[in-house]
């Protein structure tokens, strides 16, 4: 078996090196989702999520008919302070991840954006009909919702930039896949299957 030296690689054209890199990646890149125990966990997870959706639909309908229009809640102050502390910690963690250039920043951006949407929703709905309602609407439209949208956009941008970087470094040609077409653990969802090893 001949081994390519550094000089051999330098004499290759950029297209030849890219083709060699793609073949090496294809030979060495196992799909973790193909492992039997991972397939079982994935099926159980899908079954659990499906069951949750099936349960939440009638539950939400039932709440629509049974929940009182007005309700006096205990620990109101603790609930909102706790929520704001959680939001602050999520924003701080996301800022830290962005500062350190960590991929986990995507998770933080999605969590923070979701918390801001929830904050806007409850602020507006729970102040409905009170003197605080105009302020809640203004805060939601001018602060919480735009910031949430910015965080969601930034999370999408980080993922797409990561895909672009991998696409270039792996020497792939052609248009990059859209975000909804990217598979788990691989940027090429429609890549050809690995040839079976005749020895194995």
C-alpha atoms as a PDB file:
ATOM      1  CA  UNK A   1       0.000   0.000   0.000  1.00  0.00           C
ATOM      2  CA  UNK A   2       1.471   3.326  -1.069  1.00  0.00           C
ATOM      3  CA  UNK A   3       1.319   6.257   1.291  1.00  0.00           C
ATOM      4  CA  UNK A   4       0.936   9.778  -0.007  1.00  0.00           C
ATOM      5  CA  UNK A   5       3.644  12.113   1.199  1.00  0.00           C
ATOM      6  CA  UNK A   6       3.326  15.833   1.806  1.00  0.00           C
ATOM      7  CA  UNK A   7       5.020  16.447  -1.544  1.00  0.00           C
ATOM      8  CA  UNK A   8       2.484  14.193  -3.281  1.00  0.00           C
ATOM      9  CA  UNK A   9      -0.356  16.159  -1.720  1.00  0.00           C
ATOM     10  CA  UNK A  10       1.171  19.471  -2.780  1.00  0.00           C
ATOM     11  CA  UNK A  11       1.430  18.252  -6.393  1.00  0.00           C
ATOM     12  CA  UNK A  12      -2.275  17.464  -6.443  1.00  0.00           C
ATOM     13  CA  UNK A  13      -4.684  20.067  -7.723  1.00  0.00           C
ATOM     14  CA  UNK A  14      -7.151  21.673  -5.318  1.00  0.00           C
ATOM     15  CA  UNK A  15      -9.980  19.653  -6.904  1.00  0.00           C
ATOM     16  CA  UNK A  16      -8.043  16.413  -6.422  1.00  0.00           C
ATOM     17  CA  UNK A  17      -7.306  17.223  -2.789  1.00  0.00           C
ATOM     18  CA  UNK A  18     -10.965  18.086  -2.212  1.00  0.00           C
ATOM     19  CA  UNK A  19     -12.047  14.778  -3.779  1.00  0.00           C
ATOM     20  CA  UNK A  20      -9.542  12.865  -1.639  1.00  0.00           C
ATOM     21  CA  UNK A  21     -10.815  14.622   1.489  1.00  0.00           C
ATOM     22  CA  UNK A  22     -14.434  13.780   0.647  1.00  0.00           C
ATOM     23  CA  UNK A  23     -13.565  10.108   0.146  1.00  0.00           C
ATOM     24  CA  UNK A  24     -11.644   9.949   3.420  1.00  0.00           C
ATOM     25  CA  UNK A  25     -14.522  11.562   5.310  1.00  0.00           C
ATOM     26  CA  UNK A  26     -17.024   9.178   3.722  1.00  0.00           C
ATOM     27  CA  UNK A  27     -14.923   6.136   4.672  1.00  0.00           C
ATOM     28  CA  UNK A  28     -14.307   7.231   8.246  1.00  0.00           C
ATOM     29  CA  UNK A  29     -17.580   8.927   9.094  1.00  0.00           C
ATOM     30  CA  UNK A  30     -19.945   6.574  10.912  1.00  0.00           C
ATOM     31  CA  UNK A  31     -23.519   7.645  11.509  1.00  0.00           C
ATOM     32  CA  UNK A  32     -24.105   7.550  15.285  1.00  0.00           C
ATOM     33  CA  UNK A  33     -27.865   7.318  14.688  1.00  0.00           C
ATOM     34  CA  UNK A  34     -27.373   3.910  13.047  1.00  0.00           C
ATOM     35  CA  UNK A  35     -26.305   2.280  16.330  1.00  0.00           C
ATOM     36  CA  UNK A  36     -29.068  -0.041  17.654  1.00  0.00           C
ATOM     37  CA  UNK A  37     -29.241   1.523  21.145  1.00  0.00           C
ATOM     38  CA  UNK A  38     -29.433   5.021  19.630  1.00  0.00           C
ATOM     39  CA  UNK A  39     -32.228   3.914  17.278  1.00  0.00           C
ATOM     40  CA  UNK A  40     -34.158   2.565  20.277  1.00  0.00           C
ATOM     41  CA  UNK A  41     -33.720   5.808  22.230  1.00  0.00           C
ATOM     42  CA  UNK A  42     -34.798   7.814  19.202  1.00  0.00           C
ATOM     43  CA  UNK A  43     -37.965   5.750  18.807  1.00  0.00           C
ATOM     44  CA  UNK A  44     -38.774   6.071  22.493  1.00  0.00           C
ATOM     45  CA  UNK A  45     -38.203   9.817  22.327  1.00  0.00           C
ATOM     46  CA  UNK A  46     -40.443  10.164  19.283  1.00  0.00           C
ATOM     47  CA  UNK A  47     -43.138   8.073  20.964  1.00  0.00           C
ATOM     48  CA  UNK A  48     -42.942  10.229  24.102  1.00  0.00           C
ATOM     49  CA  UNK A  49     -43.191  13.497  22.139  1.00  0.00           C
ATOM     50  CA  UNK A  50     -46.114  12.160  20.107  1.00  0.00           C
ATOM     51  CA  UNK A  51     -47.901  11.050  23.275  1.00  0.00           C
ATOM     52  CA  UNK A  52     -47.336  14.484  24.848  1.00  0.00           C
ATOM     53  CA  UNK A  53     -48.855  16.223  21.820  1.00  0.00           C
ATOM     54  CA  UNK A  54     -51.812  13.836  21.825  1.00  0.00           C
ATOM     55  CA  UNK A  55     -52.389  14.517  25.529  1.00  0.00           C
ATOM     56  CA  UNK A  56     -51.962  18.296  25.381  1.00  0.00           C
ATOM     57  CA  UNK A  57     -54.619  18.837  22.703  1.00  0.00           C
ATOM     58  CA  UNK A  58     -57.609  17.597  24.756  1.00  0.00           C
ATOM     59  CA  UNK A  59     -56.064  18.964  27.968  1.00  0.00           C
ATOM     60  CA  UNK A  60     -55.847  22.461  26.476  1.00  0.00           C
ATOM     61  CA  UNK A  61     -59.437  22.245  25.227  1.00  0.00           C
ATOM     62  CA  UNK A  62     -60.598  21.149  28.663  1.00  0.00           C
ATOM     63  CA  UNK A  63     -58.756  24.047  30.327  1.00  0.00           C
ATOM     64  CA  UNK A  64     -60.426  26.446  27.911  1.00  0.00           C
ATOM     65  CA  UNK A  65     -63.810  25.382  29.312  1.00  0.00           C
ATOM     66  CA  UNK A  66     -62.931  24.894  32.988  1.00  0.00           C
ATOM     67  CA  UNK A  67     -60.373  27.513  34.030  1.00  0.00           C
ATOM     68  CA  UNK A  68     -61.845  30.504  35.878  1.00  0.00           C
ATOM     69  CA  UNK A  69     -61.705  33.938  34.264  1.00  0.00           C
ATOM     70  CA  UNK A  70     -60.168  35.415  37.432  1.00  0.00           C
ATOM     71  CA  UNK A  71     -57.832  33.681  39.846  1.00  0.00           C
ATOM     72  CA  UNK A  72     -55.999  34.856  42.976  1.00  0.00           C
ATOM     73  CA  UNK A  73     -52.510  33.367  42.961  1.00  0.00           C
ATOM     74  CA  UNK A  74     -50.146  32.890  45.866  1.00  0.00           C
ATOM     75  CA  UNK A  75     -46.417  33.576  45.624  1.00  0.00           C
ATOM     76  CA  UNK A  76     -47.035  36.005  42.752  1.00  0.00           C
ATOM     77  CA  UNK A  77     -43.928  38.035  43.565  1.00  0.00           C
ATOM     78  CA  UNK A  78     -41.726  34.951  43.920  1.00  0.00           C
ATOM     79  CA  UNK A  79     -42.980  33.568  40.596  1.00  0.00           C
ATOM     80  CA  UNK A  80     -42.074  36.700  38.622  1.00  0.00           C
ATOM     81  CA  UNK A  81     -38.788  37.311  40.447  1.00  0.00           C
ATOM     82  CA  UNK A  82     -37.803  33.684  39.879  1.00  0.00           C
ATOM     83  CA  UNK A  83     -38.652  33.957  36.200  1.00  0.00           C
ATOM     84  CA  UNK A  84     -36.593  37.144  35.813  1.00  0.00           C
ATOM     85  CA  UNK A  85     -33.648  35.557  37.639  1.00  0.00           C
ATOM     86  CA  UNK A  86     -33.808  32.608  35.271  1.00  0.00           C
ATOM     87  CA  UNK A  87     -33.940  34.926  32.261  1.00  0.00           C
ATOM     88  CA  UNK A  88     -30.984  36.920  33.575  1.00  0.00           C
ATOM     89  CA  UNK A  89     -28.928  33.762  34.107  1.00  0.00           C
ATOM     90  CA  UNK A  90     -29.822  32.510  30.622  1.00  0.00           C
ATOM     91  CA  UNK A  91     -28.789  35.811  29.051  1.00  0.00           C
ATOM     92  CA  UNK A  92     -25.542  35.859  31.039  1.00  0.00           C
ATOM     93  CA  UNK A  93     -24.737  32.282  30.059  1.00  0.00           C
ATOM     94  CA  UNK A  94     -25.457  33.053  26.421  1.00  0.00           C
ATOM     95  CA  UNK A  95     -23.234  36.136  26.537  1.00  0.00           C
ATOM     96  CA  UNK A  96     -20.444  34.054  28.092  1.00  0.00           C
ATOM     97  CA  UNK A  97     -20.776  31.373  25.410  1.00  0.00           C
ATOM     98  CA  UNK A  98     -20.682  34.031  22.687  1.00  0.00           C
ATOM     99  CA  UNK A  99     -17.600  35.618  24.275  1.00  0.00           C
ATOM    100  CA  UNK A 100     -15.847  32.216  24.404  1.00  0.00           C
ATOM    101  CA  UNK A 101     -17.061  31.359  20.869  1.00  0.00           C
ATOM    102  CA  UNK A 102     -18.704  28.145  22.049  1.00  0.00           C
ATOM    103  CA  UNK A 103     -21.266  26.302  19.941  1.00  0.00           C
ATOM    104  CA  UNK A 104     -23.552  26.028  22.966  1.00  0.00           C
ATOM    105  CA  UNK A 105     -24.395  29.676  22.305  1.00  0.00           C
ATOM    106  CA  UNK A 106     -27.072  28.374  19.918  1.00  0.00           C
ATOM    107  CA  UNK A 107     -28.868  26.630  22.782  1.00  0.00           C
ATOM    108  CA  UNK A 108     -28.626  29.758  24.910  1.00  0.00           C
ATOM    109  CA  UNK A 109     -30.018  31.965  22.149  1.00  0.00           C
ATOM    110  CA  UNK A 110     -33.012  29.688  21.637  1.00  0.00           C
ATOM    111  CA  UNK A 111     -33.695  29.420  25.378  1.00  0.00           C
ATOM    112  CA  UNK A 112     -33.420  33.188  25.888  1.00  0.00           C
ATOM    113  CA  UNK A 113     -35.620  33.933  22.891  1.00  0.00           C
ATOM    114  CA  UNK A 114     -38.265  31.514  24.133  1.00  0.00           C
ATOM    115  CA  UNK A 115     -38.195  32.975  27.646  1.00  0.00           C
ATOM    116  CA  UNK A 116     -38.592  36.494  26.238  1.00  0.00           C
ATOM    117  CA  UNK A 117     -41.627  35.432  24.189  1.00  0.00           C
ATOM    118  CA  UNK A 118     -43.146  33.842  27.303  1.00  0.00           C
ATOM    119  CA  UNK A 119     -42.366  36.990  29.296  1.00  0.00           C
ATOM    120  CA  UNK A 120     -44.115  39.170  26.718  1.00  0.00           C
ATOM    121  CA  UNK A 121     -47.135  36.838  26.559  1.00  0.00           C
ATOM    122  CA  UNK A 122     -47.723  36.697  30.307  1.00  0.00           C
ATOM    123  CA  UNK A 123     -46.998  40.393  30.809  1.00  0.00           C
ATOM    124  CA  UNK A 124     -49.629  41.344  28.249  1.00  0.00           C
ATOM    125  CA  UNK A 125     -52.258  38.757  29.110  1.00  0.00           C
ATOM    126  CA  UNK A 126     -52.023  39.149  32.892  1.00  0.00           C
ATOM    127  CA  UNK A 127     -52.248  42.947  32.691  1.00  0.00           C
ATOM    128  CA  UNK A 128     -55.275  42.862  30.362  1.00  0.00           C
ATOM    129  CA  UNK A 129     -57.847  45.428  31.442  1.00  0.00           C
ATOM    130  CA  UNK A 130     -55.569  47.061  33.993  1.00  0.00           C
ATOM    131  CA  UNK A 131     -53.713  50.355  33.934  1.00  0.00           C
ATOM    132  CA  UNK A 132     -50.466  48.489  33.269  1.00  0.00           C
ATOM    133  CA  UNK A 133     -51.708  47.031  29.977  1.00  0.00           C
ATOM    134  CA  UNK A 134     -50.368  49.827  27.657  1.00  0.00           C
ATOM    135  CA  UNK A 135     -46.928  49.606  29.276  1.00  0.00           C
ATOM    136  CA  UNK A 136     -46.918  45.810  28.933  1.00  0.00           C
ATOM    137  CA  UNK A 137     -47.837  46.019  25.240  1.00  0.00           C
ATOM    138  CA  UNK A 138     -45.178  48.681  24.597  1.00  0.00           C
ATOM    139  CA  UNK A 139     -42.544  46.644  26.456  1.00  0.00           C
ATOM    140  CA  UNK A 140     -43.454  43.524  24.481  1.00  0.00           C
ATOM    141  CA  UNK A 141     -43.487  45.214  21.061  1.00  0.00           C
ATOM    142  CA  UNK A 142     -40.438  47.431  21.583  1.00  0.00           C
ATOM    143  CA  UNK A 143     -38.270  45.245  23.781  1.00  0.00           C
ATOM    144  CA  UNK A 144     -38.999  41.602  24.475  1.00  0.00           C
ATOM    145  CA  UNK A 145     -40.291  40.414  21.091  1.00  0.00           C
ATOM    146  CA  UNK A 146     -37.681  42.228  18.936  1.00  0.00           C
ATOM    147  CA  UNK A 147     -34.899  40.906  21.177  1.00  0.00           C
ATOM    148  CA  UNK A 148     -36.353  37.397  20.970  1.00  0.00           C
ATOM    149  CA  UNK A 149     -36.485  37.649  17.176  1.00  0.00           C
ATOM    150  CA  UNK A 150     -32.878  38.845  17.112  1.00  0.00           C
ATOM    151  CA  UNK A 151     -31.792  35.894  19.261  1.00  0.00           C
ATOM    152  CA  UNK A 152     -33.627  33.385  17.054  1.00  0.00           C
ATOM    153  CA  UNK A 153     -32.077  34.967  13.949  1.00  0.00           C
ATOM    154  CA  UNK A 154     -28.615  34.852  15.546  1.00  0.00           C
ATOM    155  CA  UNK A 155     -29.028  31.169  16.456  1.00  0.00           C
ATOM    156  CA  UNK A 156     -29.966  30.362  12.864  1.00  0.00           C
ATOM    157  CA  UNK A 157     -26.995  32.378  11.608  1.00  0.00           C
ATOM    158  CA  UNK A 158     -24.544  30.534  13.866  1.00  0.00           C
ATOM    159  CA  UNK A 159     -25.819  27.162  12.643  1.00  0.00           C
ATOM    160  CA  UNK A 160     -25.629  28.202   8.988  1.00  0.00           C
ATOM    161  CA  UNK A 161     -22.139  29.671   9.442  1.00  0.00           C
ATOM    162  CA  UNK A 162     -21.009  26.424  11.084  1.00  0.00           C
ATOM    163  CA  UNK A 163     -22.437  24.430   8.182  1.00  0.00           C
ATOM    164  CA  UNK A 164     -20.697  26.748   5.701  1.00  0.00           C
ATOM    165  CA  UNK A 165     -17.382  26.289   7.508  1.00  0.00           C
ATOM    166  CA  UNK A 166     -17.720  22.492   7.519  1.00  0.00           C
ATOM    167  CA  UNK A 167     -18.827  22.505   3.887  1.00  0.00           C
ATOM    168  CA  UNK A 168     -15.702  24.410   2.812  1.00  0.00           C
ATOM    169  CA  UNK A 169     -13.283  22.478   5.027  1.00  0.00           C
ATOM    170  CA  UNK A 170     -14.576  19.144   3.762  1.00  0.00           C
ATOM    171  CA  UNK A 171     -13.967  20.278   0.198  1.00  0.00           C
ATOM    172  CA  UNK A 172     -17.554  19.871  -0.878  1.00  0.00           C
ATOM    173  CA  UNK A 173     -18.781  21.328  -4.141  1.00  0.00           C
ATOM    174  CA  UNK A 174     -22.186  22.610  -5.190  1.00  0.00           C
ATOM    175  CA  UNK A 175     -24.783  24.563  -3.233  1.00  0.00           C
ATOM    176  CA  UNK A 176     -24.940  24.132   0.518  1.00  0.00           C
ATOM    177  CA  UNK A 177     -28.035  22.425   1.948  1.00  0.00           C
ATOM    178  CA  UNK A 178     -30.809  24.458   3.489  1.00  0.00           C
ATOM    179  CA  UNK A 179     -31.169  24.421   7.237  1.00  0.00           C
ATOM    180  CA  UNK A 180     -34.246  22.169   7.116  1.00  0.00           C
ATOM    181  CA  UNK A 181     -32.308  19.654   4.965  1.00  0.00           C
ATOM    182  CA  UNK A 182     -29.329  19.215   7.300  1.00  0.00           C
ATOM    183  CA  UNK A 183     -29.284  15.872   9.061  1.00  0.00           C
ATOM    184  CA  UNK A 184     -28.201  15.191  12.614  1.00  0.00           C
ATOM    185  CA  UNK A 185     -24.433  14.620  12.869  1.00  0.00           C
ATOM    186  CA  UNK A 186     -23.914  15.310   9.170  1.00  0.00           C
ATOM    187  CA  UNK A 187     -24.236  18.307   6.886  1.00  0.00           C
ATOM    188  CA  UNK A 188     -24.964  16.125   3.860  1.00  0.00           C
ATOM    189  CA  UNK A 189     -28.302  14.481   4.587  1.00  0.00           C
ATOM    190  CA  UNK A 190     -28.461  12.826   1.157  1.00  0.00           C
ATOM    191  CA  UNK A 191     -24.947  11.452   1.009  1.00  0.00           C
ATOM    192  CA  UNK A 192     -24.541   7.967  -0.516  1.00  0.00           C
ATOM    193  CA  UNK A 193     -24.432   5.070   1.952  1.00  0.00           C
ATOM    194  CA  UNK A 194     -21.046   3.696   2.929  1.00  0.00           C
ATOM    195  CA  UNK A 195     -19.988   0.579   0.983  1.00  0.00           C
ATOM    196  CA  UNK A 196     -20.062  -2.566   3.088  1.00  0.00           C
ATOM    197  CA  UNK A 197     -16.693  -4.008   4.027  1.00  0.00           C
ATOM    198  CA  UNK A 198     -16.340  -7.438   2.349  1.00  0.00           C
ATOM    199  CA  UNK A 199     -14.059  -8.530   5.179  1.00  0.00           C
ATOM    200  CA  UNK A 200     -16.644  -7.683   7.875  1.00  0.00           C
END
